[in-house]
Amino acid sequence: EDCKDWVQSILDAKKKCLEKNIGVEKKTVLEQARDRLKEFYDHHITQTFVTLVIVANFVVSIVGAQMAPEDHSKEFRTLEIIDYTFTALFVVELICNLGGNWFWPF
């Protein structure tokens, strides 16, 4: 019986603290955005997409090396556009990774 009273007293104190935000540090808007970005980046769907982009880039690089198209040909320009697209995707991925997981808390 004493144990139940003790536990209930702790739960009541916790509820009062949460209501008054005692001992709870409020996060800034940037900290909240960083947390959301980290959650997005660490999500399994995002990680799967990044993995597929890496594999696709590898396959396109192999195809491009095997084709060895002439400079300024249609195939060369197509591979160049695909390469720039992968580069842009990797830059976005890097920004998300850095924003969510690196440096110091905003």
N, C-alpha and C. Protein backbone atom coordinates (compact mmCIF):
# COMPACT_ATOMS: atom_id res chain seq x y z
N GLU A 1 0.83 -1.20 0.00
CA GLU A 1 0.00 0.00 0.00
C GLU A 1 0.87 1.26 0.00
N ASP A 2 1.90 1.25 0.82
CA ASP A 2 2.80 2.41 0.85
C ASP A 2 3.48 2.61 -0.50
N CYS A 3 3.81 1.49 -1.13
CA CYS A 3 4.48 1.56 -2.43
C CYS A 3 3.55 2.21 -3.47
N LYS A 4 2.29 1.83 -3.46
CA LYS A 4 1.34 2.41 -4.41
C LYS A 4 1.18 3.91 -4.17
N ASP A 5 1.13 4.31 -2.90
CA ASP A 5 1.02 5.74 -2.59
C ASP A 5 2.26 6.49 -3.07
N TRP A 6 3.40 5.88 -2.86
CA TRP A 6 4.67 6.49 -3.26
C TRP A 6 4.71 6.68 -4.79
N VAL A 7 4.35 5.63 -5.53
CA VAL A 7 4.34 5.70 -6.99
C VAL A 7 3.35 6.76 -7.46
N GLN A 8 2.18 6.81 -6.85
CA GLN A 8 1.17 7.80 -7.23
C GLN A 8 1.67 9.21 -6.95
N SER A 9 2.37 9.40 -5.85
CA SER A 9 2.93 10.72 -5.53
C SER A 9 3.95 11.16 -6.58
N ILE A 10 4.78 10.22 -7.02
CA ILE A 10 5.77 10.52 -8.05
C ILE A 10 5.08 10.88 -9.36
N LEU A 11 4.06 10.12 -9.74
CA LEU A 11 3.33 10.41 -10.97
C LEU A 11 2.63 11.77 -10.90
N ASP A 12 2.07 12.10 -9.75
CA ASP A 12 1.43 13.40 -9.59
C ASP A 12 2.45 14.54 -9.70
N ALA A 13 3.62 14.36 -9.08
CA ALA A 13 4.67 15.37 -9.15
C ALA A 13 5.15 15.54 -10.59
N LYS A 14 5.27 14.42 -11.31
CA LYS A 14 5.70 14.48 -12.71
C LYS A 14 4.68 15.27 -13.53
N LYS A 15 3.41 15.01 -13.30
CA LYS A 15 2.35 15.70 -14.03
C LYS A 15 2.39 17.20 -13.77
N LYS A 16 2.60 17.60 -12.51
CA LYS A 16 2.68 19.01 -12.17
C LYS A 16 3.88 19.67 -12.84
N CYS A 17 5.01 18.97 -12.84
CA CYS A 17 6.22 19.51 -13.48
C CYS A 17 6.01 19.71 -14.98
N LEU A 18 5.39 18.72 -15.61
CA LEU A 18 5.15 18.84 -17.05
C LEU A 18 4.18 19.97 -17.36
N GLU A 19 3.19 20.15 -16.50
CA GLU A 19 2.23 21.23 -16.71
C GLU A 19 2.90 22.60 -16.60
N LYS A 20 3.86 22.71 -15.70
CA LYS A 20 4.56 23.98 -15.48
C LYS A 20 5.85 24.08 -16.29
N ASN A 21 6.17 23.01 -17.04
CA ASN A 21 7.42 22.95 -17.81
C ASN A 21 8.65 23.09 -16.93
N ILE A 22 8.56 22.61 -15.72
CA ILE A 22 9.70 22.64 -14.81
C ILE A 22 10.68 21.56 -15.23
N GLY A 23 11.92 21.95 -15.41
CA GLY A 23 12.95 20.99 -15.77
C GLY A 23 12.88 20.54 -17.22
N VAL A 24 12.02 21.17 -17.98
CA VAL A 24 11.90 20.81 -19.39
C VAL A 24 12.47 21.96 -20.21
N GLU A 25 13.49 21.66 -20.98
CA GLU A 25 14.12 22.67 -21.81
C GLU A 25 13.33 22.80 -23.10
N LYS A 26 12.92 24.01 -23.43
CA LYS A 26 12.20 24.22 -24.68
C LYS A 26 13.21 24.33 -25.80
N LYS A 27 12.89 23.71 -26.92
CA LYS A 27 13.77 23.74 -28.09
C LYS A 27 13.42 24.93 -28.97
N THR A 28 14.46 25.49 -29.56
CA THR A 28 14.23 26.59 -30.50
C THR A 28 13.64 26.02 -31.79
N VAL A 29 13.19 26.91 -32.64
CA VAL A 29 12.63 26.50 -33.94
C VAL A 29 13.69 25.76 -34.75
N LEU A 30 14.94 26.24 -34.71
CA LEU A 30 16.01 25.58 -35.46
C LEU A 30 16.32 24.19 -34.90
N GLU A 31 16.28 24.05 -33.59
CA GLU A 31 16.51 22.73 -32.98
C GLU A 31 15.39 21.76 -33.36
N GLN A 32 14.17 22.26 -33.38
CA GLN A 32 13.05 21.42 -33.79
C GLN A 32 13.18 21.02 -35.25
N ALA A 33 13.60 21.97 -36.10
CA ALA A 33 13.79 21.66 -37.52
C ALA A 33 14.90 20.63 -37.69
N ARG A 34 15.97 20.79 -36.93
CA ARG A 34 17.08 19.82 -37.00
C ARG A 34 16.60 18.43 -36.59
N ASP A 35 15.81 18.35 -35.54
CA ASP A 35 15.29 17.06 -35.10
C ASP A 35 14.41 16.42 -36.17
N ARG A 36 13.57 17.24 -36.81
CA ARG A 36 12.71 16.70 -37.88
C ARG A 36 13.55 16.24 -39.07
N LEU A 37 14.59 17.02 -39.40
CA LEU A 37 15.47 16.65 -40.51
C LEU A 37 16.20 15.35 -40.21
N LYS A 38 16.68 15.20 -38.98
CA LYS A 38 17.37 13.98 -38.58
C LYS A 38 16.41 12.78 -38.64
N GLU A 39 15.20 12.98 -38.16
CA GLU A 39 14.20 11.91 -38.20
C GLU A 39 13.90 11.51 -39.65
N PHE A 40 13.76 12.51 -40.54
CA PHE A 40 13.52 12.24 -41.95
C PHE A 40 14.70 11.49 -42.57
N TYR A 41 15.92 11.98 -42.32
CA TYR A 41 17.11 11.38 -42.93
C TYR A 41 17.34 9.96 -42.42
N ASP A 42 17.10 9.72 -41.14
CA ASP A 42 17.35 8.41 -40.55
C ASP A 42 16.22 7.40 -40.83
N HIS A 43 15.13 7.84 -41.42
CA HIS A 43 14.00 6.94 -41.71
C HIS A 43 14.43 5.87 -42.72
N HIS A 44 13.92 4.68 -42.56
CA HIS A 44 14.35 3.56 -43.42
C HIS A 44 14.01 3.79 -44.90
N ILE A 45 12.94 4.50 -45.18
CA ILE A 45 12.59 4.75 -46.58
C ILE A 45 13.61 5.70 -47.21
N THR A 46 14.01 6.74 -46.47
CA THR A 46 15.03 7.66 -46.98
C THR A 46 16.35 6.93 -47.20
N GLN A 47 16.74 6.10 -46.24
CA GLN A 47 17.99 5.37 -46.36
C GLN A 47 17.96 4.38 -47.54
N THR A 48 16.80 3.76 -47.75
CA THR A 48 16.65 2.86 -48.89
C THR A 48 16.77 3.63 -50.21
N PHE A 49 16.14 4.80 -50.28
CA PHE A 49 16.22 5.62 -51.49
C PHE A 49 17.66 6.02 -51.77
N VAL A 50 18.38 6.47 -50.75
CA VAL A 50 19.78 6.87 -50.92
C VAL A 50 20.61 5.68 -51.41
N THR A 51 20.37 4.51 -50.84
CA THR A 51 21.08 3.31 -51.28
C THR A 51 20.81 3.00 -52.73
N LEU A 52 19.54 3.10 -53.14
CA LEU A 52 19.18 2.83 -54.54
C LEU A 52 19.82 3.85 -55.49
N VAL A 53 19.90 5.09 -55.06
CA VAL A 53 20.54 6.12 -55.89
C VAL A 53 22.03 5.80 -56.07
N ILE A 54 22.68 5.37 -54.99
CA ILE A 54 24.10 5.00 -55.07
C ILE A 54 24.30 3.84 -56.04
N VAL A 55 23.45 2.82 -55.92
CA VAL A 55 23.56 1.65 -56.80
C VAL A 55 23.29 2.05 -58.25
N ALA A 56 22.26 2.88 -58.46
CA ALA A 56 21.94 3.32 -59.82
C ALA A 56 23.10 4.13 -60.41
N ASN A 57 23.72 4.97 -59.62
CA ASN A 57 24.87 5.74 -60.09
C ASN A 57 26.01 4.80 -60.49
N PHE A 58 26.22 3.77 -59.71
CA PHE A 58 27.27 2.79 -60.01
C PHE A 58 26.97 2.09 -61.34
N VAL A 59 25.72 1.68 -61.53
CA VAL A 59 25.34 0.99 -62.76
C VAL A 59 25.49 1.92 -63.97
N VAL A 60 25.04 3.15 -63.84
CA VAL A 60 25.17 4.11 -64.94
C VAL A 60 26.64 4.37 -65.25
N SER A 61 27.49 4.43 -64.24
CA SER A 61 28.93 4.62 -64.46
C SER A 61 29.52 3.45 -65.23
N ILE A 62 29.09 2.24 -64.88
CA ILE A 62 29.57 1.05 -65.60
C ILE A 62 29.12 1.10 -67.05
N VAL A 63 27.84 1.40 -67.27
CA VAL A 63 27.31 1.47 -68.64
C VAL A 63 28.06 2.54 -69.44
N GLY A 64 28.28 3.69 -68.82
CA GLY A 64 28.99 4.77 -69.51
C GLY A 64 30.42 4.38 -69.87
N ALA A 65 31.08 3.67 -68.96
CA ALA A 65 32.46 3.24 -69.24
C ALA A 65 32.49 2.19 -70.36
N GLN A 66 31.50 1.32 -70.38
CA GLN A 66 31.46 0.29 -71.42
C GLN A 66 31.10 0.88 -72.78
N MET A 67 30.20 1.88 -72.77
CA MET A 67 29.79 2.50 -74.03
C MET A 67 30.91 3.37 -74.60
N ALA A 68 31.61 4.06 -73.73
CA ALA A 68 32.68 5.00 -74.13
C ALA A 68 32.22 5.87 -75.30
N PRO A 69 31.17 6.68 -75.09
CA PRO A 69 30.66 7.49 -76.19
C PRO A 69 31.62 8.62 -76.57
N GLU A 70 31.52 9.02 -77.81
CA GLU A 70 32.34 10.12 -78.32
C GLU A 70 31.93 11.41 -77.61
N ASP A 71 32.90 12.30 -77.40
CA ASP A 71 32.58 13.60 -76.80
C ASP A 71 31.55 14.33 -77.64
N HIS A 72 30.61 14.98 -76.96
CA HIS A 72 29.57 15.80 -77.57
C HIS A 72 28.56 14.99 -78.39
N SER A 73 28.57 13.67 -78.27
CA SER A 73 27.54 12.86 -78.92
C SER A 73 26.28 12.88 -78.06
N LYS A 74 25.18 12.37 -78.63
CA LYS A 74 23.92 12.33 -77.89
C LYS A 74 24.06 11.47 -76.64
N GLU A 75 24.72 10.32 -76.77
CA GLU A 75 24.90 9.43 -75.63
C GLU A 75 25.76 10.08 -74.55
N PHE A 76 26.81 10.79 -74.97
CA PHE A 76 27.69 11.47 -74.03
C PHE A 76 26.90 12.52 -73.24
N ARG A 77 26.10 13.32 -73.95
CA ARG A 77 25.30 14.35 -73.28
C ARG A 77 24.27 13.74 -72.35
N THR A 78 23.65 12.64 -72.75
CA THR A 78 22.68 11.97 -71.90
C THR A 78 23.34 11.48 -70.61
N LEU A 79 24.50 10.83 -70.74
CA LEU A 79 25.22 10.36 -69.55
C LEU A 79 25.67 11.53 -68.68
N GLU A 80 26.02 12.64 -69.31
CA GLU A 80 26.44 13.82 -68.57
C GLU A 80 25.27 14.40 -67.76
N ILE A 81 24.10 14.45 -68.37
CA ILE A 81 22.91 14.94 -67.66
C ILE A 81 22.57 14.02 -66.50
N ILE A 82 22.63 12.71 -66.72
CA ILE A 82 22.37 11.75 -65.65
C ILE A 82 23.39 11.93 -64.53
N ASP A 83 24.65 12.15 -64.89
CA ASP A 83 25.69 12.36 -63.88
C ASP A 83 25.42 13.61 -63.06
N TYR A 84 25.02 14.70 -63.71
CA TYR A 84 24.69 15.93 -62.99
C TYR A 84 23.49 15.72 -62.07
N THR A 85 22.52 14.92 -62.52
CA THR A 85 21.35 14.63 -61.70
C THR A 85 21.77 13.87 -60.44
N PHE A 86 22.61 12.86 -60.60
CA PHE A 86 23.11 12.13 -59.43
C PHE A 86 23.89 13.05 -58.50
N THR A 87 24.69 13.93 -59.06
CA THR A 87 25.46 14.87 -58.25
C THR A 87 24.53 15.76 -57.44
N ALA A 88 23.47 16.26 -58.06
CA ALA A 88 22.50 17.10 -57.35
C ALA A 88 21.82 16.32 -56.22
N LEU A 89 21.45 15.07 -56.50
CA LEU A 89 20.83 14.23 -55.46
C LEU A 89 21.79 13.99 -54.30
N PHE A 90 23.06 13.77 -54.61
CA PHE A 90 24.04 13.54 -53.56
C PHE A 90 24.30 14.80 -52.74
N VAL A 91 24.23 15.96 -53.37
CA VAL A 91 24.38 17.22 -52.64
C VAL A 91 23.22 17.41 -51.67
N VAL A 92 21.99 17.13 -52.12
CA VAL A 92 20.82 17.23 -51.25
C VAL A 92 20.95 16.24 -50.09
N GLU A 93 21.38 15.03 -50.40
CA GLU A 93 21.56 14.01 -49.36
C GLU A 93 22.60 14.46 -48.34
N LEU A 94 23.69 15.04 -48.81
CA LEU A 94 24.75 15.50 -47.92
C LEU A 94 24.26 16.64 -47.03
N ILE A 95 23.50 17.57 -47.60
CA ILE A 95 22.96 18.68 -46.81
C ILE A 95 22.03 18.16 -45.72
N CYS A 96 21.17 17.20 -46.07
CA CYS A 96 20.27 16.61 -45.07
C CYS A 96 21.07 15.90 -43.98
N ASN A 97 22.08 15.16 -44.39
CA ASN A 97 22.90 14.43 -43.43
C ASN A 97 23.63 15.40 -42.50
N LEU A 98 24.25 16.43 -43.07
CA LEU A 98 24.96 17.40 -42.25
C LEU A 98 24.00 18.16 -41.33
N GLY A 99 22.88 18.58 -41.88
CA GLY A 99 21.92 19.34 -41.09
C GLY A 99 21.33 18.55 -39.94
N GLY A 100 21.11 17.27 -40.16
CA GLY A 100 20.48 16.45 -39.12
C GLY A 100 21.43 15.77 -38.17
N ASN A 101 22.67 15.54 -38.59
CA ASN A 101 23.56 14.69 -37.79
C ASN A 101 24.92 15.27 -37.43
N TRP A 102 25.24 16.45 -37.90
CA TRP A 102 26.61 16.90 -37.70
C TRP A 102 26.65 18.29 -37.10
N PHE A 103 27.80 18.81 -36.91
CA PHE A 103 28.08 20.11 -36.30
C PHE A 103 27.59 20.12 -34.85
N TRP A 104 26.96 21.16 -34.46
CA TRP A 104 26.48 21.32 -33.11
C TRP A 104 24.99 21.63 -33.16
N PRO A 105 24.30 21.44 -32.04
CA PRO A 105 22.87 21.76 -32.05
C PRO A 105 22.65 23.23 -32.37
N PHE A 106 21.68 23.52 -33.24
CA PHE A 106 21.40 24.91 -33.61
C PHE A 106 20.88 25.63 -32.39
